């Protein structure tokens, strides 16, 4: 499975930056038909981290966002720096 077939791109906003710093959470735009377990596996495989929790929502514009909280031993800020977000 290619994780980038599920994860389309990171979502960058003021709120997502605050979540990275305060809650160790990354925000991604994902395929609309992706399930939470698929998103979890894709993030773990793409970035070499362990995921604690995945929350999803479909926006009013019609795309799906996934809020991915990492386990405490991994840093969302480090992953964000690798992606060029921070």
PDB file of N, CA and C in Angstrom:
ATOM      1  N   UNK A   1       0.838  -1.184   0.000  1.00  0.00           N
ATOM      2  CA  UNK A   1       0.000   0.000   0.000  1.00  0.00           C
ATOM      3  C   UNK A   1       0.884   1.249   0.000  1.00  0.00           C
ATOM      4  N   UNK A   2       0.607   2.155  -0.890  1.00  0.00           N
ATOM      5  CA  UNK A   2       1.298   3.428  -0.949  1.00  0.00           C
ATOM      6  C   UNK A   2       0.584   4.417  -0.030  1.00  0.00           C
ATOM      7  N   UNK A   3       1.258   4.918   1.028  1.00  0.00           N
ATOM      8  CA  UNK A   3       0.578   5.827   1.952  1.00  0.00           C
ATOM      9  C   UNK A   3       0.133   7.123   1.284  1.00  0.00           C
ATOM     10  N   UNK A   4       0.820   7.534   0.219  1.00  0.00           N
ATOM     11  CA  UNK A   4       0.466   8.786  -0.447  1.00  0.00           C
ATOM     12  C   UNK A   4      -0.747   8.630  -1.351  1.00  0.00           C
ATOM     13  N   UNK A   5      -1.262   7.408  -1.488  1.00  0.00           N
ATOM     14  CA  UNK A   5      -2.542   7.218  -2.185  1.00  0.00           C
ATOM     15  C   UNK A   5      -3.692   7.593  -1.254  1.00  0.00           C
ATOM     16  N   UNK A   6      -3.446   7.560   0.059  1.00  0.00           N
ATOM     17  CA  UNK A   6      -4.465   7.910   1.053  1.00  0.00           C
ATOM     18  C   UNK A   6      -4.280   9.345   1.529  1.00  0.00           C
ATOM     19  N   UNK A   7      -3.046   9.707   1.881  1.00  0.00           N
ATOM     20  CA  UNK A   7      -2.744  11.067   2.337  1.00  0.00           C
ATOM     21  C   UNK A   7      -2.513  11.930   1.100  1.00  0.00           C
ATOM     22  N   UNK A   8      -3.364  12.915   0.891  1.00  0.00           N
ATOM     23  CA  UNK A   8      -3.202  13.771  -0.281  1.00  0.00           C
ATOM     24  C   UNK A   8      -2.166  14.865  -0.030  1.00  0.00           C
ATOM     25  N   UNK A   9      -2.295  15.585   1.094  1.00  0.00           N
ATOM     26  CA  UNK A   9      -1.320  16.606   1.462  1.00  0.00           C
ATOM     27  C   UNK A   9      -1.596  17.078   2.884  1.00  0.00           C
ATOM     28  N   UNK A  10      -0.592  17.710   3.535  1.00  0.00           N
ATOM     29  CA  UNK A  10      -0.833  18.259   4.870  1.00  0.00           C
ATOM     30  C   UNK A  10      -1.708  19.501   4.760  1.00  0.00           C
ATOM     31  N   UNK A  11      -2.516  19.733   5.775  1.00  0.00           N
ATOM     32  CA  UNK A  11      -3.358  20.931   5.822  1.00  0.00           C
ATOM     33  C   UNK A  11      -2.644  21.955   6.694  1.00  0.00           C
ATOM     34  N   UNK A  12      -2.396  23.137   6.134  1.00  0.00           N
ATOM     35  CA  UNK A  12      -1.633  24.158   6.842  1.00  0.00           C
ATOM     36  C   UNK A  12      -2.545  25.347   7.122  1.00  0.00           C
ATOM     37  N   UNK A  13      -2.701  25.647   8.411  1.00  0.00           N
ATOM     38  CA  UNK A  13      -3.472  26.805   8.839  1.00  0.00           C
ATOM     39  C   UNK A  13      -2.978  27.212  10.218  1.00  0.00           C
ATOM     40  N   UNK A  14      -3.521  28.308  10.733  1.00  0.00           N
ATOM     41  CA  UNK A  14      -3.158  28.737  12.081  1.00  0.00           C
ATOM     42  C   UNK A  14      -3.535  27.668  13.102  1.00  0.00           C
ATOM     43  N   UNK A  15      -4.732  27.125  12.937  1.00  0.00           N
ATOM     44  CA  UNK A  15      -5.212  26.112  13.874  1.00  0.00           C
ATOM     45  C   UNK A  15      -4.341  24.855  13.812  1.00  0.00           C
ATOM     46  N   UNK A  16      -4.002  24.405  12.606  1.00  0.00           N
ATOM     47  CA  UNK A  16      -3.199  23.183  12.500  1.00  0.00           C
ATOM     48  C   UNK A  16      -1.803  23.387  13.083  1.00  0.00           C
ATOM     49  N   UNK A  17      -1.245  24.581  12.949  1.00  0.00           N
ATOM     50  CA  UNK A  17       0.055  24.873  13.543  1.00  0.00           C
ATOM     51  C   UNK A  17      -0.032  24.842  15.063  1.00  0.00           C
ATOM     52  N   UNK A  18      -1.105  25.383  15.612  1.00  0.00           N
ATOM     53  CA  UNK A  18      -1.313  25.361  17.062  1.00  0.00           C
ATOM     54  C   UNK A  18      -1.466  23.921  17.559  1.00  0.00           C
ATOM     55  N   UNK A  19      -2.172  23.086  16.797  1.00  0.00           N
ATOM     56  CA  UNK A  19      -2.349  21.687  17.183  1.00  0.00           C
ATOM     57  C   UNK A  19      -1.017  20.933  17.191  1.00  0.00           C
ATOM     58  N   UNK A  20      -0.142  21.241  16.249  1.00  0.00           N
ATOM     59  CA  UNK A  20       1.178  20.604  16.211  1.00  0.00           C
ATOM     60  C   UNK A  20       1.931  20.915  17.498  1.00  0.00           C
ATOM     61  N   UNK A  21       1.899  22.174  17.904  1.00  0.00           N
ATOM     62  CA  UNK A  21       2.675  22.605  19.064  1.00  0.00           C
ATOM     63  C   UNK A  21       2.047  22.179  20.387  1.00  0.00           C
ATOM     64  N   UNK A  22       0.733  22.300  20.516  1.00  0.00           N
ATOM     65  CA  UNK A  22       0.074  22.081  21.812  1.00  0.00           C
ATOM     66  C   UNK A  22      -0.387  20.647  22.036  1.00  0.00           C
ATOM     67  N   UNK A  23      -0.868  19.970  20.975  1.00  0.00           N
ATOM     68  CA  UNK A  23      -1.497  18.662  21.155  1.00  0.00           C
ATOM     69  C   UNK A  23      -0.788  17.514  20.436  1.00  0.00           C
ATOM     70  N   UNK A  24       0.387  17.781  19.843  1.00  0.00           N
ATOM     71  CA  UNK A  24       1.144  16.745  19.140  1.00  0.00           C
ATOM     72  C   UNK A  24       0.303  16.085  18.040  1.00  0.00           C
ATOM     73  N   UNK A  25      -0.445  16.937  17.313  1.00  0.00           N
ATOM     74  CA  UNK A  25      -1.399  16.464  16.308  1.00  0.00           C
ATOM     75  C   UNK A  25      -1.069  17.069  14.952  1.00  0.00           C
ATOM     76  N   UNK A  26      -1.097  16.223  13.925  1.00  0.00           N
ATOM     77  CA  UNK A  26      -0.912  16.665  12.542  1.00  0.00           C
ATOM     78  C   UNK A  26      -2.261  16.634  11.832  1.00  0.00           C
ATOM     79  N   UNK A  27      -2.432  17.538  10.855  1.00  0.00           N
ATOM     80  CA  UNK A  27      -3.689  17.595  10.104  1.00  0.00           C
ATOM     81  C   UNK A  27      -3.370  17.343   8.630  1.00  0.00           C
ATOM     82  N   UNK A  28      -4.083  16.392   8.040  1.00  0.00           N
ATOM     83  CA  UNK A  28      -3.885  16.042   6.640  1.00  0.00           C
ATOM     84  C   UNK A  28      -5.211  16.086   5.896  1.00  0.00           C
ATOM     85  N   UNK A  29      -5.146  16.403   4.613  1.00  0.00           N
ATOM     86  CA  UNK A  29      -6.286  16.203   3.728  1.00  0.00           C
ATOM     87  C   UNK A  29      -6.099  14.803   3.149  1.00  0.00           C
ATOM     88  N   UNK A  30      -7.143  13.975   3.283  1.00  0.00           N
ATOM     89  CA  UNK A  30      -7.053  12.574   2.863  1.00  0.00           C
ATOM     90  C   UNK A  30      -8.152  12.265   1.856  1.00  0.00           C
ATOM     91  N   UNK A  31      -8.051  11.097   1.242  1.00  0.00           N
ATOM     92  CA  UNK A  31      -9.102  10.662   0.323  1.00  0.00           C
ATOM     93  C   UNK A  31     -10.422  10.561   1.062  1.00  0.00           C
ATOM     94  N   UNK A  32     -11.482  10.905   0.383  1.00  0.00           N
ATOM     95  CA  UNK A  32     -12.794  10.944   1.028  1.00  0.00           C
ATOM     96  C   UNK A  32     -13.268   9.562   1.466  1.00  0.00           C
ATOM     97  N   UNK A  33     -12.830   8.516   0.789  1.00  0.00           N
ATOM     98  CA  UNK A  33     -13.274   7.159   1.137  1.00  0.00           C
ATOM     99  C   UNK A  33     -12.311   6.438   2.092  1.00  0.00           C
ATOM    100  N   UNK A  34     -11.283   7.136   2.592  1.00  0.00           N
ATOM    101  CA  UNK A  34     -10.307   6.509   3.496  1.00  0.00           C
ATOM    102  C   UNK A  34     -10.912   6.327   4.884  1.00  0.00           C
ATOM    103  N   UNK A  35     -10.639   5.168   5.486  1.00  0.00           N
ATOM    104  CA  UNK A  35     -11.127   4.891   6.837  1.00  0.00           C
ATOM    105  C   UNK A  35     -10.059   5.282   7.861  1.00  0.00           C
ATOM    106  N   UNK A  36     -10.452   5.372   9.131  1.00  0.00           N
ATOM    107  CA  UNK A  36      -9.501   5.735  10.183  1.00  0.00           C
ATOM    108  C   UNK A  36      -8.340   4.742  10.291  1.00  0.00           C
ATOM    109  N   UNK A  37      -8.595   3.417  10.257  1.00  0.00           N
ATOM    110  CA  UNK A  37      -7.453   2.484  10.300  1.00  0.00           C
ATOM    111  C   UNK A  37      -6.514   2.628   9.102  1.00  0.00           C
ATOM    112  N   UNK A  38      -7.056   2.915   7.920  1.00  0.00           N
ATOM    113  CA  UNK A  38      -6.209   3.120   6.740  1.00  0.00           C
ATOM    114  C   UNK A  38      -5.350   4.372   6.902  1.00  0.00           C
ATOM    115  N   UNK A  39      -5.946   5.439   7.425  1.00  0.00           N
ATOM    116  CA  UNK A  39      -5.210   6.682   7.643  1.00  0.00           C
ATOM    117  C   UNK A  39      -4.098   6.450   8.664  1.00  0.00           C
ATOM    118  N   UNK A  40      -4.407   5.728   9.737  1.00  0.00           N
ATOM    119  CA  UNK A  40      -3.411   5.429  10.774  1.00  0.00           C
ATOM    120  C   UNK A  40      -2.228   4.667  10.180  1.00  0.00           C
ATOM    121  N   UNK A  41      -2.508   3.608   9.420  1.00  0.00           N
ATOM    122  CA  UNK A  41      -1.426   2.823   8.804  1.00  0.00           C
ATOM    123  C   UNK A  41      -0.615   3.673   7.831  1.00  0.00           C
ATOM    124  N   UNK A  42      -1.272   4.518   7.050  1.00  0.00           N
ATOM    125  CA  UNK A  42      -0.576   5.344   6.062  1.00  0.00           C
ATOM    126  C   UNK A  42       0.373   6.331   6.735  1.00  0.00           C
ATOM    127  N   UNK A  43      -0.070   6.985   7.816  1.00  0.00           N
ATOM    128  CA  UNK A  43       0.783   7.947   8.520  1.00  0.00           C
ATOM    129  C   UNK A  43       1.950   7.226   9.182  1.00  0.00           C
ATOM    130  N   UNK A  44       1.685   6.082   9.806  1.00  0.00           N
ATOM    131  CA  UNK A  44       2.763   5.322  10.451  1.00  0.00           C
ATOM    132  C   UNK A  44       3.805   4.884   9.435  1.00  0.00           C
ATOM    133  N   UNK A  45       3.361   4.436   8.262  1.00  0.00           N
ATOM    134  CA  UNK A  45       4.291   3.966   7.236  1.00  0.00           C
ATOM    135  C   UNK A  45       5.045   5.127   6.587  1.00  0.00           C
ATOM    136  N   UNK A  46       4.374   6.227   6.329  1.00  0.00           N
ATOM    137  CA  UNK A  46       4.996   7.351   5.627  1.00  0.00           C
ATOM    138  C   UNK A  46       6.036   8.075   6.472  1.00  0.00           C
ATOM    139  N   UNK A  47       5.789   8.182   7.787  1.00  0.00           N
ATOM    140  CA  UNK A  47       6.655   9.005   8.622  1.00  0.00           C
ATOM    141  C   UNK A  47       7.405   8.236   9.696  1.00  0.00           C
ATOM    142  N   UNK A  48       7.177   6.932   9.836  1.00  0.00           N
ATOM    143  CA  UNK A  48       7.885   6.140  10.831  1.00  0.00           C
ATOM    144  C   UNK A  48       7.553   6.523  12.255  1.00  0.00           C
ATOM    145  N   UNK A  49       6.275   6.819  12.527  1.00  0.00           N
ATOM    146  CA  UNK A  49       5.827   7.201  13.864  1.00  0.00           C
ATOM    147  C   UNK A  49       4.711   6.258  14.299  1.00  0.00           C
ATOM    148  N   UNK A  50       4.294   6.365  15.556  1.00  0.00           N
ATOM    149  CA  UNK A  50       3.153   5.610  16.060  1.00  0.00           C
ATOM    150  C   UNK A  50       2.010   6.586  16.318  1.00  0.00           C
ATOM    151  N   UNK A  51       0.815   6.218  15.875  1.00  0.00           N
ATOM    152  CA  UNK A  51      -0.360   7.075  15.989  1.00  0.00           C
ATOM    153  C   UNK A  51      -1.180   6.656  17.203  1.00  0.00           C
ATOM    154  N   UNK A  52      -1.598   7.638  18.004  1.00  0.00           N
ATOM    155  CA  UNK A  52      -2.433   7.368  19.165  1.00  0.00           C
ATOM    156  C   UNK A  52      -3.915   7.409  18.799  1.00  0.00           C
ATOM    157  N   UNK A  53      -4.316   8.392  17.970  1.00  0.00           N
ATOM    158  CA  UNK A  53      -5.737   8.569  17.669  1.00  0.00           C
ATOM    159  C   UNK A  53      -5.909   9.291  16.341  1.00  0.00           C
ATOM    160  N   UNK A  54      -6.983   8.943  15.624  1.00  0.00           N
ATOM    161  CA  UNK A  54      -7.322   9.615  14.373  1.00  0.00           C
ATOM    162  C   UNK A  54      -8.768  10.105  14.469  1.00  0.00           C
ATOM    163  N   UNK A  55      -8.957  11.390  14.184  1.00  0.00           N
ATOM    164  CA  UNK A  55     -10.301  11.958  14.083  1.00  0.00           C
ATOM    165  C   UNK A  55     -10.453  12.507  12.676  1.00  0.00           C
ATOM    166  N   UNK A  56     -11.648  12.370  12.105  1.00  0.00           N
ATOM    167  CA  UNK A  56     -11.860  12.850  10.739  1.00  0.00           C
ATOM    168  C   UNK A  56     -13.096  13.737  10.671  1.00  0.00           C
ATOM    169  N   UNK A  57     -13.118  14.559   9.620  1.00  0.00           N
ATOM    170  CA  UNK A  57     -14.312  15.334   9.329  1.00  0.00           C
ATOM    171  C   UNK A  57     -14.332  15.658   7.845  1.00  0.00           C
ATOM    172  N   UNK A  58     -15.518  15.840   7.319  1.00  0.00           N
ATOM    173  CA  UNK A  58     -15.678  16.260   5.938  1.00  0.00           C
ATOM    174  C   UNK A  58     -16.090  17.720   5.974  1.00  0.00           C
ATOM    175  N   UNK A  59     -15.323  18.568   5.324  1.00  0.00           N
ATOM    176  CA  UNK A  59     -15.558  20.007   5.377  1.00  0.00           C
ATOM    177  C   UNK A  59     -16.725  20.398   4.485  1.00  0.00           C
ATOM    178  N   UNK A  60     -17.161  21.644   4.635  1.00  0.00           N
ATOM    179  CA  UNK A  60     -18.258  22.142   3.808  1.00  0.00           C
ATOM    180  C   UNK A  60     -17.841  22.274   2.347  1.00  0.00           C
ATOM    181  N   UNK A  61     -16.528  22.327   2.095  1.00  0.00           N
ATOM    182  CA  UNK A  61     -16.032  22.379   0.718  1.00  0.00           C
ATOM    183  C   UNK A  61     -15.934  20.994   0.091  1.00  0.00           C
ATOM    184  N   UNK A  62     -16.183  19.939   0.885  1.00  0.00           N
ATOM    185  CA  UNK A  62     -16.269  18.600   0.333  1.00  0.00           C
ATOM    186  C   UNK A  62     -15.014  17.752   0.434  1.00  0.00           C
ATOM    187  N   UNK A  63     -13.977  18.222   1.100  1.00  0.00           N
ATOM    188  CA  UNK A  63     -12.810  17.355   1.268  1.00  0.00           C
ATOM    189  C   UNK A  63     -12.728  16.863   2.704  1.00  0.00           C
ATOM    190  N   UNK A  64     -11.980  15.783   2.907  1.00  0.00           N
ATOM    191  CA  UNK A  64     -11.902  15.124   4.211  1.00  0.00           C
ATOM    192  C   UNK A  64     -10.583  15.463   4.882  1.00  0.00           C
ATOM    193  N   UNK A  65     -10.671  15.924   6.138  1.00  0.00           N
ATOM    194  CA  UNK A  65      -9.481  16.219   6.926  1.00  0.00           C
ATOM    195  C   UNK A  65      -9.332  15.165   8.014  1.00  0.00           C
ATOM    196  N   UNK A  66      -8.095  14.791   8.277  1.00  0.00           N
ATOM    197  CA  UNK A  66      -7.798  13.836   9.346  1.00  0.00           C
ATOM    198  C   UNK A  66      -6.890  14.513  10.357  1.00  0.00           C
ATOM    199  N   UNK A  67      -7.332  14.490  11.624  1.00  0.00           N
ATOM    200  CA  UNK A  67      -6.529  14.989  12.729  1.00  0.00           C
ATOM    201  C   UNK A  67      -5.849  13.769  13.347  1.00  0.00           C
ATOM    202  N   UNK A  68      -4.520  13.698  13.231  1.00  0.00           N
ATOM    203  CA  UNK A  68      -3.765  12.522  13.637  1.00  0.00           C
ATOM    204  C   UNK A  68      -2.903  12.874  14.842  1.00  0.00           C
ATOM    205  N   UNK A  69      -3.266  12.342  16.005  1.00  0.00           N
ATOM    206  CA  UNK A  69      -2.483  12.579  17.220  1.00  0.00           C
ATOM    207  C   UNK A  69      -1.417  11.494  17.328  1.00  0.00           C
ATOM    208  N   UNK A  70      -0.169  11.916  17.522  1.00  0.00           N
ATOM    209  CA  UNK A  70       0.934  10.974  17.652  1.00  0.00           C
ATOM    210  C   UNK A  70       1.118  10.583  19.115  1.00  0.00           C
ATOM    211  N   UNK A  71       1.683   9.396  19.327  1.00  0.00           N
ATOM    212  CA  UNK A  71       1.996   8.963  20.687  1.00  0.00           C
ATOM    213  C   UNK A  71       3.068   9.883  21.258  1.00  0.00           C
ATOM    214  N   UNK A  72       3.117   9.976  22.578  1.00  0.00           N
ATOM    215  CA  UNK A  72       3.954  10.981  23.250  1.00  0.00           C
ATOM    216  C   UNK A  72       5.453  10.825  22.976  1.00  0.00           C
ATOM    217  N   UNK A  73       5.897   9.635  22.617  1.00  0.00           N
ATOM    218  CA  UNK A  73       7.334   9.462  22.357  1.00  0.00           C
ATOM    219  C   UNK A  73       7.756   9.997  20.980  1.00  0.00           C
ATOM    220  N   UNK A  74       6.795  10.425  20.156  1.00  0.00           N
ATOM    221  CA  UNK A  74       7.083  10.988  18.840  1.00  0.00           C
ATOM    222  C   UNK A  74       6.661  12.451  18.821  1.00  0.00           C
ATOM    223  N   UNK A  75       7.349  13.252  18.025  1.00  0.00           N
ATOM    224  CA  UNK A  75       7.088  14.685  17.970  1.00  0.00           C
ATOM    225  C   UNK A  75       6.442  15.071  16.640  1.00  0.00           C
ATOM    226  N   UNK A  76       5.265  15.682  16.728  1.00  0.00           N
ATOM    227  CA  UNK A  76       4.594  16.173  15.523  1.00  0.00           C
ATOM    228  C   UNK A  76       5.392  17.314  14.902  1.00  0.00           C
ATOM    229  N   UNK A  77       6.101  18.085  15.737  1.00  0.00           N
ATOM    230  CA  UNK A  77       6.900  19.192  15.223  1.00  0.00           C
ATOM    231  C   UNK A  77       8.028  18.689  14.327  1.00  0.00           C
ATOM    232  N   UNK A  78       8.640  17.571  14.692  1.00  0.00           N
ATOM    233  CA  UNK A  78       9.713  17.011  13.855  1.00  0.00           C
ATOM    234  C   UNK A  78       9.172  16.558  12.506  1.00  0.00           C
ATOM    235  N   UNK A  79       8.018  15.901  12.502  1.00  0.00           N
ATOM    236  CA  UNK A  79       7.401  15.467  11.250  1.00  0.00           C
ATOM    237  C   UNK A  79       7.024  16.687  10.416  1.00  0.00           C
ATOM    238  N   UNK A  80       6.486  17.723  11.053  1.00  0.00           N
ATOM    239  CA  UNK A  80       6.108  18.945  10.343  1.00  0.00           C
ATOM    240  C   UNK A  80       7.341  19.624   9.719  1.00  0.00           C
ATOM    241  N   UNK A  81       8.471  19.589  10.410  1.00  0.00           N
ATOM    242  CA  UNK A  81       9.688  20.166   9.846  1.00  0.00           C
ATOM    243  C   UNK A  81      10.164  19.379   8.628  1.00  0.00           C
ATOM    244  N   UNK A  82      10.039  18.047   8.697  1.00  0.00           N
ATOM    245  CA  UNK A  82      10.404  17.220   7.540  1.00  0.00           C
ATOM    246  C   UNK A  82       9.514  17.524   6.340  1.00  0.00           C
ATOM    247  N   UNK A  83       8.224  17.837   6.616  1.00  0.00           N
ATOM    248  CA  UNK A  83       7.291  18.173   5.545  1.00  0.00           C
ATOM    249  C   UNK A  83       7.441  19.620   5.076  1.00  0.00           C
ATOM    250  N   UNK A  84       8.161  20.434   5.829  1.00  0.00           N
ATOM    251  CA  UNK A  84       8.345  21.831   5.469  1.00  0.00           C
ATOM    252  C   UNK A  84       7.204  22.729   5.930  1.00  0.00           C
ATOM    253  N   UNK A  85       6.421  22.271   6.907  1.00  0.00           N
ATOM    254  CA  UNK A  85       5.301  23.062   7.425  1.00  0.00           C
ATOM    255  C   UNK A  85       5.816  24.120   8.400  1.00  0.00           C
ATOM    256  N   UNK A  86       6.699  23.713   9.296  1.00  0.00           N
ATOM    257  CA  UNK A  86       7.250  24.643  10.307  1.00  0.00           C
ATOM    258  C   UNK A  86       8.621  25.127   9.900  1.00  0.00           C
TER     259      UNK A  86
END
